[in-house]
């Protein structure tokens, strides 16, 4: 499913995420590609985030996705790095390689180059994984420059976590 930009200029709600993670007693792992660690930075800007953030993986190259997260070479070849199939494997790998019960993964085309007709600049795929083994993926298309695409990707990751964790409270 593709969504146009649903997030205006609001900041990611890392504080809401922290509150939910602490209330539920869960730990988080993040796997990032196009955001290059920005999600982990936003989360760790909060004092006390070590109580609920286990670790982050910045897997910008395909080799890193394979080596650190166990993404299959065949998945990358068949779907490309910016795909729901790849972020699903990234998020499972983040859970398997951490002590976390919840994970999120991001891969996208932030621009200004690198886009294609099938995956234009602004295409971002996200995946979320939960303790019971459930994995959800979503494809977005964000407008704007490289900075805007990356910022909106981080925001979508956090908003998706808050929405899904809210269902567990």
N, C-alpha and C. Protein backbone atom coordinates (compact mmCIF):
# COMPACT_ATOMS: atom_id res chain seq x y z
N UNK A 1 0.84 -1.16 0.00
CA UNK A 1 0.00 0.00 0.00
C UNK A 1 0.89 1.23 0.00
N UNK A 2 0.59 2.17 -0.81
CA UNK A 2 1.37 3.39 -0.89
C UNK A 2 0.56 4.53 -0.29
N UNK A 3 1.22 5.32 0.50
CA UNK A 3 0.57 6.47 1.12
C UNK A 3 1.32 7.72 0.73
N UNK A 4 0.60 8.79 0.50
CA UNK A 4 1.27 10.06 0.31
C UNK A 4 1.60 10.61 1.70
N UNK A 5 2.26 11.71 1.72
CA UNK A 5 2.76 12.26 2.97
C UNK A 5 1.63 12.59 3.93
N UNK A 6 1.51 11.84 5.06
CA UNK A 6 0.45 12.10 6.02
C UNK A 6 0.91 13.00 7.16
N UNK A 7 2.18 13.32 7.21
CA UNK A 7 2.74 14.00 8.37
C UNK A 7 3.19 15.40 7.97
N UNK A 8 2.56 16.40 8.46
CA UNK A 8 2.93 17.77 8.11
C UNK A 8 4.30 18.09 8.70
N UNK A 9 4.36 19.02 9.60
CA UNK A 9 5.64 19.42 10.17
C UNK A 9 5.76 19.03 11.64
N UNK A 10 4.93 18.15 12.12
CA UNK A 10 5.03 17.78 13.53
C UNK A 10 6.28 16.93 13.76
N UNK A 11 6.79 17.01 14.95
CA UNK A 11 7.98 16.26 15.31
C UNK A 11 7.58 14.83 15.70
N UNK A 12 8.49 13.89 15.51
CA UNK A 12 8.21 12.53 15.97
C UNK A 12 7.94 12.52 17.47
N UNK A 13 7.03 11.70 17.88
CA UNK A 13 6.66 11.64 19.29
C UNK A 13 7.46 10.57 20.01
N UNK A 14 8.76 10.82 20.16
CA UNK A 14 9.61 9.87 20.87
C UNK A 14 9.21 9.78 22.33
N UNK A 15 8.71 10.86 22.92
CA UNK A 15 8.29 10.83 24.32
C UNK A 15 7.10 9.90 24.50
N UNK A 16 6.16 9.92 23.57
CA UNK A 16 5.01 8.99 23.63
C UNK A 16 5.48 7.55 23.48
N UNK A 17 6.45 7.34 22.59
CA UNK A 17 7.01 6.01 22.41
C UNK A 17 7.68 5.54 23.69
N UNK A 18 8.47 6.40 24.31
CA UNK A 18 9.15 6.04 25.56
C UNK A 18 8.14 5.64 26.63
N UNK A 19 7.09 6.43 26.76
CA UNK A 19 6.06 6.13 27.77
C UNK A 19 5.45 4.76 27.54
N UNK A 20 5.11 4.44 26.31
CA UNK A 20 4.51 3.14 26.00
C UNK A 20 5.50 2.00 26.23
N UNK A 21 6.73 2.16 25.80
CA UNK A 21 7.74 1.10 25.98
C UNK A 21 7.93 0.81 27.47
N UNK A 22 8.02 1.85 28.27
CA UNK A 22 8.21 1.67 29.72
C UNK A 22 6.98 1.04 30.36
N UNK A 23 5.80 1.51 30.01
CA UNK A 23 4.57 0.94 30.59
C UNK A 23 4.41 -0.53 30.24
N UNK A 24 4.81 -0.90 29.03
CA UNK A 24 4.67 -2.29 28.60
C UNK A 24 5.88 -3.15 28.98
N UNK A 25 6.94 -2.53 29.45
CA UNK A 25 8.13 -3.28 29.85
C UNK A 25 8.83 -3.95 28.67
N UNK A 26 8.84 -3.28 27.53
CA UNK A 26 9.44 -3.85 26.32
C UNK A 26 10.72 -3.12 25.96
N UNK A 27 11.56 -3.80 25.18
CA UNK A 27 12.78 -3.20 24.65
C UNK A 27 12.68 -3.15 23.12
N UNK A 28 13.33 -2.15 22.54
CA UNK A 28 13.24 -1.86 21.11
C UNK A 28 14.59 -2.03 20.43
N UNK A 29 14.55 -2.56 19.21
CA UNK A 29 15.71 -2.56 18.31
C UNK A 29 15.29 -1.86 17.04
N UNK A 30 16.21 -1.10 16.45
CA UNK A 30 15.93 -0.40 15.20
C UNK A 30 16.94 -0.84 14.14
N UNK A 31 16.46 -0.99 12.91
CA UNK A 31 17.31 -1.32 11.77
C UNK A 31 17.07 -0.25 10.72
N UNK A 32 18.11 0.49 10.39
CA UNK A 32 17.96 1.64 9.51
C UNK A 32 18.86 1.53 8.29
N UNK A 33 18.35 2.01 7.17
CA UNK A 33 19.16 2.14 5.98
C UNK A 33 19.18 3.62 5.58
N UNK A 34 18.19 4.11 4.88
CA UNK A 34 18.22 5.47 4.35
C UNK A 34 18.29 6.55 5.44
N UNK A 35 17.86 6.25 6.64
CA UNK A 35 17.88 7.23 7.72
C UNK A 35 19.23 7.27 8.44
N UNK A 36 20.10 6.33 8.17
CA UNK A 36 21.47 6.38 8.65
C UNK A 36 21.67 6.56 10.14
N UNK A 37 20.77 6.08 10.96
CA UNK A 37 20.90 6.21 12.41
C UNK A 37 20.07 7.34 13.01
N UNK A 38 19.34 8.04 12.18
CA UNK A 38 18.54 9.18 12.64
C UNK A 38 17.47 8.73 13.65
N UNK A 39 16.83 7.61 13.40
CA UNK A 39 15.83 7.11 14.33
C UNK A 39 16.46 6.84 15.70
N UNK A 40 17.59 6.17 15.71
CA UNK A 40 18.28 5.90 16.98
C UNK A 40 18.67 7.20 17.67
N UNK A 41 19.08 8.20 16.89
CA UNK A 41 19.45 9.50 17.46
C UNK A 41 18.25 10.16 18.12
N UNK A 42 17.10 10.16 17.43
CA UNK A 42 15.90 10.79 18.00
C UNK A 42 15.50 10.10 19.30
N UNK A 43 15.58 8.79 19.31
CA UNK A 43 15.21 8.03 20.51
C UNK A 43 16.20 8.30 21.65
N UNK A 44 17.49 8.31 21.33
CA UNK A 44 18.49 8.50 22.38
C UNK A 44 18.64 9.97 22.80
N UNK A 45 17.97 10.87 22.12
CA UNK A 45 17.93 12.25 22.60
C UNK A 45 17.16 12.34 23.92
N UNK A 46 16.34 11.34 24.20
CA UNK A 46 15.58 11.30 25.44
C UNK A 46 16.43 10.70 26.55
N UNK A 47 16.57 11.43 27.63
CA UNK A 47 17.26 10.89 28.80
C UNK A 47 16.50 9.66 29.29
N UNK A 48 17.23 8.62 29.63
CA UNK A 48 16.61 7.40 30.14
C UNK A 48 16.23 6.39 29.08
N UNK A 49 16.52 6.69 27.81
CA UNK A 49 16.13 5.77 26.75
C UNK A 49 16.85 4.42 26.86
N UNK A 50 17.93 4.36 27.59
CA UNK A 50 18.63 3.07 27.77
C UNK A 50 17.77 2.06 28.52
N UNK A 51 16.71 2.51 29.16
CA UNK A 51 15.81 1.60 29.86
C UNK A 51 14.94 0.81 28.90
N UNK A 52 14.83 1.28 27.65
CA UNK A 52 13.93 0.58 26.71
C UNK A 52 14.49 0.42 25.30
N UNK A 53 15.57 1.10 24.95
CA UNK A 53 16.20 0.88 23.64
C UNK A 53 17.34 -0.11 23.82
N UNK A 54 17.25 -1.23 23.13
CA UNK A 54 18.31 -2.23 23.23
C UNK A 54 19.48 -1.91 22.32
N UNK A 55 19.20 -1.68 21.03
CA UNK A 55 20.28 -1.40 20.08
C UNK A 55 19.73 -0.96 18.74
N UNK A 56 20.66 -0.44 17.93
CA UNK A 56 20.32 -0.02 16.58
C UNK A 56 21.34 -0.56 15.59
N UNK A 57 20.86 -0.84 14.40
CA UNK A 57 21.69 -1.32 13.30
C UNK A 57 21.57 -0.32 12.16
N UNK A 58 22.70 0.20 11.68
CA UNK A 58 22.70 1.02 10.48
C UNK A 58 23.29 0.15 9.38
N UNK A 59 22.41 -0.28 8.49
CA UNK A 59 22.79 -1.23 7.43
C UNK A 59 22.52 -0.56 6.08
N UNK A 60 23.41 0.33 5.74
CA UNK A 60 23.22 1.13 4.53
C UNK A 60 23.47 0.31 3.27
N UNK A 61 24.47 -0.54 3.30
CA UNK A 61 24.77 -1.36 2.12
C UNK A 61 24.00 -2.68 2.15
N UNK A 62 23.85 -3.28 0.99
CA UNK A 62 23.21 -4.59 0.92
C UNK A 62 24.02 -5.63 1.69
N UNK A 63 25.35 -5.52 1.61
CA UNK A 63 26.21 -6.46 2.35
C UNK A 63 25.96 -6.36 3.84
N UNK A 64 25.81 -5.15 4.36
CA UNK A 64 25.52 -4.97 5.79
C UNK A 64 24.17 -5.57 6.15
N UNK A 65 23.18 -5.38 5.29
CA UNK A 65 21.86 -5.97 5.56
C UNK A 65 21.97 -7.48 5.67
N UNK A 66 22.78 -8.08 4.80
CA UNK A 66 22.96 -9.53 4.83
C UNK A 66 23.76 -9.97 6.05
N UNK A 67 24.91 -9.33 6.28
CA UNK A 67 25.81 -9.75 7.35
C UNK A 67 25.26 -9.49 8.75
N UNK A 68 24.65 -8.33 8.96
CA UNK A 68 24.21 -7.95 10.30
C UNK A 68 22.80 -8.41 10.63
N UNK A 69 21.95 -8.49 9.61
CA UNK A 69 20.53 -8.77 9.87
C UNK A 69 20.03 -10.05 9.22
N UNK A 70 20.85 -10.70 8.42
CA UNK A 70 20.44 -11.95 7.80
C UNK A 70 19.49 -11.80 6.63
N UNK A 71 19.46 -10.63 6.01
CA UNK A 71 18.61 -10.45 4.83
C UNK A 71 19.16 -11.35 3.72
N UNK A 72 18.30 -12.06 3.07
CA UNK A 72 18.71 -13.01 2.04
C UNK A 72 19.14 -12.33 0.75
N UNK A 73 20.23 -12.85 0.18
CA UNK A 73 20.71 -12.33 -1.11
C UNK A 73 19.62 -12.49 -2.17
N UNK A 74 18.87 -13.58 -2.09
CA UNK A 74 17.80 -13.81 -3.06
C UNK A 74 16.67 -12.80 -2.90
N UNK A 75 16.39 -12.37 -1.66
CA UNK A 75 15.36 -11.36 -1.43
C UNK A 75 15.80 -10.03 -2.01
N UNK A 76 17.06 -9.66 -1.77
CA UNK A 76 17.59 -8.42 -2.32
C UNK A 76 17.58 -8.45 -3.84
N UNK A 77 17.97 -9.57 -4.43
CA UNK A 77 18.01 -9.68 -5.89
C UNK A 77 16.61 -9.61 -6.50
N UNK A 78 15.66 -10.24 -5.84
CA UNK A 78 14.30 -10.31 -6.39
C UNK A 78 13.51 -9.02 -6.19
N UNK A 79 13.75 -8.32 -5.07
CA UNK A 79 12.89 -7.19 -4.72
C UNK A 79 13.62 -5.85 -4.62
N UNK A 80 14.93 -5.88 -4.45
CA UNK A 80 15.70 -4.65 -4.24
C UNK A 80 15.67 -4.25 -2.78
N UNK A 81 16.65 -3.42 -2.40
CA UNK A 81 16.79 -3.02 -1.00
C UNK A 81 15.60 -2.23 -0.49
N UNK A 82 14.97 -1.47 -1.37
CA UNK A 82 13.81 -0.67 -0.97
C UNK A 82 12.56 -1.46 -1.34
N UNK A 83 12.17 -2.33 -0.42
CA UNK A 83 11.00 -3.18 -0.65
C UNK A 83 10.45 -3.65 0.69
N UNK A 84 9.19 -3.98 0.67
CA UNK A 84 8.57 -4.51 1.89
C UNK A 84 9.17 -5.85 2.25
N UNK A 85 9.56 -6.64 1.26
CA UNK A 85 10.18 -7.95 1.55
C UNK A 85 11.49 -7.78 2.30
N UNK A 86 12.30 -6.81 1.89
CA UNK A 86 13.60 -6.60 2.55
C UNK A 86 13.41 -6.03 3.95
N UNK A 87 12.54 -5.04 4.13
CA UNK A 87 12.37 -4.50 5.49
C UNK A 87 11.77 -5.54 6.42
N UNK A 88 10.95 -6.45 5.90
CA UNK A 88 10.43 -7.53 6.74
C UNK A 88 11.57 -8.41 7.25
N UNK A 89 12.53 -8.72 6.38
CA UNK A 89 13.68 -9.52 6.82
C UNK A 89 14.60 -8.71 7.73
N UNK A 90 14.72 -7.42 7.48
CA UNK A 90 15.53 -6.56 8.35
C UNK A 90 14.96 -6.53 9.76
N UNK A 91 13.66 -6.38 9.88
CA UNK A 91 13.05 -6.24 11.21
C UNK A 91 13.13 -7.57 11.98
N UNK A 92 12.98 -8.68 11.28
CA UNK A 92 13.14 -9.98 11.94
C UNK A 92 14.58 -10.17 12.38
N UNK A 93 15.52 -9.78 11.53
CA UNK A 93 16.93 -9.85 11.90
C UNK A 93 17.26 -9.00 13.11
N UNK A 94 16.67 -7.80 13.18
CA UNK A 94 16.90 -6.93 14.34
C UNK A 94 16.43 -7.59 15.63
N UNK A 95 15.29 -8.26 15.57
CA UNK A 95 14.80 -8.98 16.76
C UNK A 95 15.72 -10.16 17.09
N UNK A 96 16.09 -10.92 16.07
CA UNK A 96 16.91 -12.11 16.29
C UNK A 96 18.31 -11.78 16.81
N UNK A 97 18.82 -10.59 16.48
CA UNK A 97 20.18 -10.20 16.87
C UNK A 97 20.19 -9.23 18.04
N UNK A 98 19.14 -9.25 18.83
CA UNK A 98 19.04 -8.33 19.97
C UNK A 98 18.28 -8.99 21.11
N UNK A 99 18.16 -8.24 22.19
CA UNK A 99 17.36 -8.67 23.34
C UNK A 99 16.00 -7.96 23.34
N UNK A 100 15.65 -7.36 22.21
CA UNK A 100 14.40 -6.61 22.10
C UNK A 100 13.21 -7.52 21.81
N UNK A 101 12.04 -7.02 22.17
CA UNK A 101 10.79 -7.71 21.86
C UNK A 101 10.02 -7.01 20.74
N UNK A 102 10.42 -5.77 20.44
CA UNK A 102 9.78 -4.95 19.42
C UNK A 102 10.90 -4.39 18.54
N UNK A 103 10.63 -4.31 17.22
CA UNK A 103 11.64 -3.75 16.31
C UNK A 103 10.95 -3.00 15.19
N UNK A 104 11.73 -2.10 14.58
CA UNK A 104 11.27 -1.36 13.41
C UNK A 104 12.44 -1.30 12.43
N UNK A 105 12.13 -1.37 11.13
CA UNK A 105 13.15 -1.29 10.08
C UNK A 105 12.70 -0.28 9.03
N UNK A 106 13.70 0.42 8.45
CA UNK A 106 13.46 1.46 7.45
C UNK A 106 14.42 1.27 6.29
N UNK A 107 13.90 1.34 5.06
CA UNK A 107 14.74 1.38 3.87
C UNK A 107 14.03 2.24 2.84
N UNK A 108 14.77 3.10 2.16
CA UNK A 108 14.11 3.98 1.21
C UNK A 108 15.06 4.65 0.24
N UNK A 109 14.46 5.42 -0.65
CA UNK A 109 15.20 6.22 -1.62
C UNK A 109 15.04 7.67 -1.19
N UNK A 110 16.04 8.20 -0.50
CA UNK A 110 15.94 9.56 0.04
C UNK A 110 16.30 10.63 -0.98
N UNK A 111 17.04 10.26 -2.01
CA UNK A 111 17.38 11.21 -3.06
C UNK A 111 18.66 11.98 -2.76
N UNK A 112 19.02 12.90 -3.60
CA UNK A 112 18.23 13.36 -4.73
C UNK A 112 18.25 12.39 -5.91
N UNK A 113 19.23 11.50 -5.99
CA UNK A 113 19.28 10.51 -7.06
C UNK A 113 18.87 9.15 -6.53
N UNK A 114 19.01 8.15 -7.38
CA UNK A 114 18.77 6.78 -6.96
C UNK A 114 17.37 6.26 -7.22
N UNK A 115 16.46 7.12 -7.62
CA UNK A 115 15.10 6.68 -7.86
C UNK A 115 14.95 6.00 -9.22
N UNK A 116 13.82 5.34 -9.39
CA UNK A 116 13.48 4.69 -10.66
C UNK A 116 11.98 4.89 -10.88
N UNK A 117 11.47 4.55 -12.06
CA UNK A 117 10.02 4.68 -12.26
C UNK A 117 9.21 3.85 -11.26
N UNK A 118 9.71 2.67 -10.89
CA UNK A 118 9.00 1.81 -9.94
C UNK A 118 9.17 2.29 -8.50
N UNK A 119 10.33 2.89 -8.22
CA UNK A 119 10.66 3.36 -6.87
C UNK A 119 11.26 4.75 -6.97
N UNK A 120 10.40 5.75 -7.15
CA UNK A 120 10.92 7.12 -7.28
C UNK A 120 11.49 7.62 -5.96
N UNK A 121 12.27 8.69 -6.04
CA UNK A 121 12.77 9.33 -4.84
C UNK A 121 11.59 9.62 -3.92
N UNK A 122 11.76 9.31 -2.66
CA UNK A 122 10.70 9.48 -1.67
C UNK A 122 10.01 8.18 -1.31
N UNK A 123 10.31 7.09 -2.03
CA UNK A 123 9.74 5.79 -1.70
C UNK A 123 10.46 5.25 -0.46
N UNK A 124 9.69 4.89 0.55
CA UNK A 124 10.24 4.37 1.80
C UNK A 124 9.38 3.19 2.24
N UNK A 125 10.06 2.13 2.66
CA UNK A 125 9.38 0.95 3.20
C UNK A 125 9.74 0.81 4.67
N UNK A 126 8.74 0.50 5.46
CA UNK A 126 8.91 0.31 6.90
C UNK A 126 8.35 -1.04 7.30
N UNK A 127 8.92 -1.61 8.36
CA UNK A 127 8.38 -2.84 8.93
C UNK A 127 8.46 -2.74 10.44
N UNK A 128 7.47 -3.32 11.09
CA UNK A 128 7.41 -3.38 12.56
C UNK A 128 7.23 -4.84 12.94
N UNK A 129 7.90 -5.26 14.01
CA UNK A 129 7.78 -6.65 14.48
C UNK A 129 7.45 -6.63 15.97
N UNK A 130 6.66 -7.64 16.38
CA UNK A 130 6.13 -7.71 17.74
C UNK A 130 6.48 -9.04 18.38
N UNK A 131 6.36 -9.11 19.72
CA UNK A 131 6.78 -10.31 20.45
C UNK A 131 6.17 -11.61 19.95
N UNK A 132 4.93 -11.59 19.55
CA UNK A 132 4.27 -12.83 19.11
C UNK A 132 4.64 -13.24 17.70
N UNK A 133 5.61 -12.56 17.10
CA UNK A 133 6.08 -12.93 15.78
C UNK A 133 5.37 -12.23 14.64
N UNK A 134 4.48 -11.32 14.95
CA UNK A 134 3.76 -10.59 13.90
C UNK A 134 4.68 -9.55 13.27
N UNK A 135 4.65 -9.46 11.95
CA UNK A 135 5.40 -8.45 11.21
C UNK A 135 4.43 -7.71 10.30
N UNK A 136 4.49 -6.40 10.35
CA UNK A 136 3.67 -5.56 9.47
C UNK A 136 4.60 -4.69 8.64
N UNK A 137 4.26 -4.54 7.37
CA UNK A 137 5.05 -3.67 6.49
C UNK A 137 4.14 -2.62 5.88
N UNK A 138 4.75 -1.52 5.47
CA UNK A 138 4.00 -0.46 4.81
C UNK A 138 4.95 0.31 3.90
N UNK A 139 4.43 0.69 2.75
CA UNK A 139 5.20 1.48 1.78
C UNK A 139 4.63 2.89 1.75
N UNK A 140 5.51 3.86 1.76
CA UNK A 140 5.14 5.27 1.75
C UNK A 140 5.79 5.96 0.56
N UNK A 141 5.27 7.11 0.21
CA UNK A 141 5.96 8.01 -0.70
C UNK A 141 5.91 9.40 -0.09
N UNK A 142 7.08 9.91 0.27
CA UNK A 142 7.21 11.21 0.90
C UNK A 142 7.78 12.21 -0.09
N UNK A 143 7.20 13.40 -0.12
CA UNK A 143 7.71 14.47 -0.96
C UNK A 143 8.81 15.24 -0.24
N UNK A 144 9.46 16.10 -0.98
CA UNK A 144 10.47 16.95 -0.38
C UNK A 144 11.88 16.51 -0.73
N UNK A 145 12.85 17.24 -0.16
CA UNK A 145 14.25 16.94 -0.42
C UNK A 145 14.72 15.77 0.47
N UNK A 146 15.99 15.45 0.35
CA UNK A 146 16.57 14.32 1.08
C UNK A 146 16.30 14.42 2.58
N UNK A 147 16.53 15.60 3.14
CA UNK A 147 16.32 15.80 4.57
C UNK A 147 14.85 15.54 4.94
N UNK A 148 13.94 16.05 4.14
CA UNK A 148 12.51 15.88 4.42
C UNK A 148 12.09 14.42 4.34
N UNK A 149 12.57 13.70 3.34
CA UNK A 149 12.23 12.28 3.20
C UNK A 149 12.73 11.50 4.41
N UNK A 150 13.94 11.77 4.82
CA UNK A 150 14.51 11.06 5.97
C UNK A 150 13.77 11.41 7.25
N UNK A 151 13.47 12.69 7.46
CA UNK A 151 12.74 13.12 8.66
C UNK A 151 11.36 12.46 8.71
N UNK A 152 10.68 12.45 7.59
CA UNK A 152 9.34 11.85 7.55
C UNK A 152 9.40 10.33 7.74
N UNK A 153 10.48 9.72 7.30
CA UNK A 153 10.67 8.28 7.52
C UNK A 153 10.80 7.97 9.01
N UNK A 154 11.60 8.77 9.69
CA UNK A 154 11.76 8.59 11.14
C UNK A 154 10.42 8.81 11.84
N UNK A 155 9.72 9.83 11.43
CA UNK A 155 8.43 10.12 12.04
C UNK A 155 7.43 8.98 11.81
N UNK A 156 7.39 8.45 10.59
CA UNK A 156 6.48 7.34 10.29
C UNK A 156 6.84 6.10 11.12
N UNK A 157 8.13 5.87 11.32
CA UNK A 157 8.56 4.72 12.13
C UNK A 157 8.07 4.87 13.57
N UNK A 158 8.28 6.06 14.14
CA UNK A 158 7.86 6.30 15.53
C UNK A 158 6.34 6.29 15.64
N UNK A 159 5.67 6.98 14.73
CA UNK A 159 4.21 7.00 14.77
C UNK A 159 3.63 5.59 14.64
N UNK A 160 4.24 4.77 13.77
CA UNK A 160 3.78 3.39 13.62
C UNK A 160 3.98 2.58 14.88
N UNK A 161 5.10 2.78 15.55
CA UNK A 161 5.32 2.11 16.84
C UNK A 161 4.31 2.54 17.87
N UNK A 162 4.09 3.85 18.00
CA UNK A 162 3.14 4.37 18.98
C UNK A 162 1.74 3.81 18.71
N UNK A 163 1.33 3.83 17.47
CA UNK A 163 0.00 3.31 17.10
C UNK A 163 -0.14 1.84 17.47
N UNK A 164 0.85 1.04 17.11
CA UNK A 164 0.78 -0.40 17.35
C UNK A 164 0.93 -0.75 18.82
N UNK A 165 1.82 -0.05 19.53
CA UNK A 165 1.97 -0.30 20.96
C UNK A 165 0.73 0.15 21.73
N UNK A 166 0.10 1.21 21.25
CA UNK A 166 -1.13 1.68 21.90
C UNK A 166 -2.21 0.60 21.90
N UNK A 167 -2.19 -0.26 20.89
CA UNK A 167 -3.16 -1.35 20.83
C UNK A 167 -2.89 -2.42 21.90
N UNK A 168 -1.67 -2.42 22.46
CA UNK A 168 -1.31 -3.43 23.47
C UNK A 168 -1.60 -2.98 24.90
N UNK A 169 -1.88 -1.68 25.07
CA UNK A 169 -2.11 -1.15 26.42
C UNK A 169 -3.51 -1.46 26.87
